Protein backbone atom coordinates (compact mmCIF):
# COMPACT_ATOMS: atom_id res chain seq x y z
CA MET A 1 0.10 0.09 -0.07
CA LYS A 2 2.36 2.44 0.59
CA LEU A 3 3.65 1.96 -2.95
CA ASP A 4 0.31 2.68 -4.35
CA ALA A 5 0.16 6.10 -1.87
CA VAL A 6 3.67 7.07 -3.27
CA LYS A 7 2.41 6.25 -6.70
CA LEU A 8 -0.89 8.15 -6.22
CA GLY A 9 1.21 10.89 -4.51
CA GLY A 10 3.80 11.06 -7.38
CA VAL A 11 0.74 10.82 -10.58
CA LEU A 12 -0.54 13.56 -8.40
CA LEU A 13 2.20 15.60 -8.06
CA LEU A 14 2.96 14.67 -12.21
CA LEU A 15 -1.11 16.13 -12.43
CA LEU A 16 -0.35 18.75 -10.77
CA GLY A 17 3.01 19.57 -12.75
CA LEU A 18 1.13 19.46 -15.68
CA THR A 19 -2.09 21.41 -15.03
CA ALA A 20 1.02 23.95 -13.75
CA GLY A 21 2.84 23.89 -16.76
CA SER A 22 -0.60 24.28 -19.10
CA ALA A 23 -1.55 27.06 -17.41
CA TRP A 24 1.67 28.95 -17.51
CA ALA A 25 2.12 28.22 -21.15
CA ALA A 26 -1.41 29.55 -21.83
CA TRP A 27 -0.77 32.47 -19.79
CA THR A 28 2.18 33.09 -21.30
CA TRP A 29 0.32 32.80 -24.67
CA GLN A 30 -2.38 34.94 -23.74
CA ALA A 31 0.06 37.54 -22.65
CA ASN A 32 1.71 37.57 -25.72
CA GLY A 33 -1.47 37.94 -27.55
CA TYR A 34 -2.42 41.18 -25.41
CA GLU A 35 1.46 42.25 -26.07
CA LYS A 36 0.67 41.87 -29.71
CA LYS A 37 -2.84 44.22 -29.33
CA LEU A 38 -0.70 46.59 -27.34
CA ALA A 39 1.71 47.03 -29.73
CA LYS A 40 -0.14 47.29 -32.79
CA GLN A 41 -2.52 49.86 -30.19
CA GLU A 42 0.51 51.72 -29.69
CA ALA A 43 1.83 51.66 -33.48
CA ALA A 44 -1.61 52.87 -34.26
CA HIS A 45 -1.44 56.13 -31.73
CA HIS A 46 2.07 57.09 -32.72
CA THR A 47 0.94 56.95 -36.57
CA THR A 48 -2.16 58.82 -36.15
CA LEU A 49 0.04 61.51 -33.74
CA THR A 50 2.95 61.74 -36.14
CA HIS A 51 -0.10 62.97 -38.84
CA LEU A 52 -1.80 65.54 -36.34
CA ALA A 53 1.86 67.00 -35.93
CA ASN A 54 2.23 66.87 -39.80
CA ALA A 55 -1.08 68.91 -40.28
CA ASN A 56 0.00 71.42 -37.33
CA SER A 57 3.64 71.71 -38.60
CA ALA A 58 1.79 72.33 -42.48
CA LEU A 59 -0.49 74.58 -41.01
CA ILE A 60 1.97 76.56 -38.84
CA LEU A 61 3.97 76.64 -42.74
CA ALA A 62 0.95 78.28 -44.20
CA GLU A 63 0.29 81.19 -41.81
CA GLN A 64 4.18 81.77 -41.42
CA GLY A 65 3.48 82.81 -45.26
CA LYS A 66 1.14 84.98 -44.96
CA ARG A 67 2.35 86.93 -42.27
CA LEU A 68 5.45 87.32 -44.11
CA ALA A 69 3.76 87.93 -47.41
CA LEU A 70 1.18 90.38 -44.90
CA GLU A 71 4.57 92.22 -43.93
CA GLN A 72 6.20 92.52 -47.21
CA TRP A 73 3.18 94.52 -48.66
CA LEU A 74 2.76 96.27 -45.29
CA ALA A 75 6.61 97.40 -45.84
CA ALA A 76 6.08 98.16 -49.61
CA SER A 77 2.94 100.08 -48.60
CA ASP A 78 4.86 102.46 -45.80
CA GLN A 79 7.38 103.09 -49.20
CA ALA A 80 4.34 104.30 -51.04
CA HIS A 81 2.92 106.33 -48.26
CA TYR A 82 5.92 107.74 -47.56
CA ARG A 83 7.02 108.91 -50.76
CA ALA A 84 3.80 110.08 -51.53
CA LEU A 85 3.45 112.44 -48.38
CA ASN A 86 7.09 113.44 -49.23
CA ASP A 87 5.96 114.62 -52.35
CA ALA A 88 3.51 116.20 -51.22
CA LYS A 89 5.28 117.98 -48.88
CA THR A 90 7.86 119.09 -51.81
CA THR A 91 4.90 120.50 -54.05
CA GLN A 92 4.20 122.02 -51.05
CA THR A 93 7.38 123.56 -50.11
CA ARG A 94 7.86 124.76 -53.43
CA LEU A 95 4.71 126.47 -53.72
CA ARG A 96 5.30 127.87 -50.55
CA ASP A 97 8.53 129.19 -51.99
CA HIS A 98 6.95 130.67 -55.24
CA LEU A 99 4.78 132.34 -52.98
CA ALA A 100 7.44 133.94 -50.97
CA THR A 101 9.57 135.30 -54.01
CA ALA A 102 6.63 136.40 -55.93
CA ASP A 103 7.31 134.22 -58.99
CA LEU A 104 4.01 132.90 -58.37
CA LEU A 105 0.42 135.15 -57.29
CA LEU A 106 -2.41 133.23 -55.92
CA SER A 107 -5.75 134.74 -57.44
CA VAL A 108 -9.23 134.69 -57.04
CA LEU A 109 -12.12 135.08 -59.65
CA LEU A 110 -14.17 137.24 -58.06
CA ASP A 111 -18.48 136.54 -58.42
CA THR A 112 -19.57 140.03 -60.92
CA THR A 113 -23.09 137.90 -61.45
CA ALA A 114 -24.84 140.46 -59.07
CA ALA A 115 -22.97 143.55 -60.47
CA THR A 116 -23.38 142.65 -64.06
CA GLY A 117 -27.13 141.40 -63.77
CA SER A 118 -26.46 138.88 -66.27
CA ASP A 119 -27.44 135.58 -64.17
CA GLY A 120 -24.10 134.73 -64.35
CA MET A 121 -23.54 133.95 -68.14
CA PRO A 122 -20.19 136.84 -68.93
CA ALA A 123 -20.49 138.82 -71.73
CA THR A 124 -16.96 137.95 -73.13
CA THR A 125 -13.91 136.10 -72.23
CA SER A 126 -10.40 137.51 -71.93
CA PRO A 127 -8.31 136.86 -74.71
CA GLY A 128 -5.65 135.48 -72.75
CA GLY A 129 -7.48 132.67 -70.92
CA VAL A 130 -10.10 130.25 -70.70
CA VAL A 131 -11.36 131.60 -67.64
CA TYR A 132 -14.67 133.78 -68.05
CA GLY A 133 -14.77 137.13 -66.66
CA THR A 134 -12.17 139.49 -65.79
CA ALA A 135 -12.44 140.01 -62.48
CA ARG A 136 -9.61 138.61 -60.10
CA ALA A 137 -8.38 139.79 -56.85
CA GLN A 138 -4.53 138.94 -55.83
CA LEU A 139 -4.44 137.27 -52.37
CA ASP A 140 -2.09 138.66 -49.86
CA ARG A 141 1.24 136.27 -49.75
CA ALA A 142 0.41 135.63 -46.31
CA HIS A 143 -3.18 134.75 -46.72
CA ALA A 144 -1.75 132.76 -49.79
CA GLN A 145 0.45 130.82 -47.56
CA ARG A 146 -1.85 130.11 -45.22
CA ILE A 147 -4.32 128.80 -48.05
CA ILE A 148 -1.41 126.43 -49.75
CA GLY A 149 -0.81 125.59 -45.55
CA ILE A 150 -4.51 124.33 -45.55
CA THR A 151 -4.51 122.26 -48.74
CA GLY A 152 -1.39 120.31 -48.10
CA ASP A 153 -2.34 119.48 -44.59
CA GLY A 154 -5.47 117.90 -46.80
CA ASP A 155 -3.31 116.26 -48.85
CA GLN A 156 -1.78 115.02 -46.22
CA GLY A 157 -5.34 113.34 -44.58
CA LEU A 158 -6.27 112.24 -47.53
CA ILE A 159 -3.08 110.17 -48.85
CA ALA A 160 -2.97 109.01 -45.01
CA LEU A 161 -6.49 107.48 -45.76
CA GLN A 162 -5.90 106.02 -48.64
CA ALA A 163 -3.16 104.00 -47.30
CA CYS A 164 -5.87 103.21 -44.13
CA GLN A 165 -8.05 101.98 -46.71
CA ALA A 166 -5.32 100.05 -48.07
CA TYR A 167 -4.31 98.32 -45.51
CA ALA A 168 -7.58 97.81 -43.98
CA LYS A 169 -8.53 96.14 -47.44
CA GLU A 170 -5.33 94.07 -47.98
CA VAL A 171 -5.81 92.73 -44.11
CA SER A 172 -9.91 92.35 -44.60
CA HIS A 173 -8.70 90.13 -47.40
CA THR A 174 -6.23 87.94 -45.99
CA LYS A 175 -8.57 86.47 -43.54
């Protein structure tokens, strides 16, 4: 009987070893399957992140290109605006110099319709000009220079307004 108990113990031990071995093999096989699934998921996640990063980089490059183009346009616009302002100031300075040296006289056409009673139609034109009427008044140099200053300020305001309108138009088209 002792031999049978030893044999039975050995068989039980063998069965326990086989069961443990098969459990270990099943667990190893299942873990290997899960590792493969996790590796596939990790690779897919990495691919997705790479695509997102590439798309983000493309967007950033496109926006940088737009910004560079806008900066270049602004620089060219500023140069054109500066050139127009400089030209207007030069013209205004020349006019003031001509008025100051009496090379140029500023005069205005007087309204003579009330005096002649001709309802605004002059009787004749002067032989040397295309302006109807001969009644003109010469302005004092100081007043003429003030008028030139006012028109110069107006010219500068118009140039600045045109620059602002061009800027607003360009910025609204880039968005």
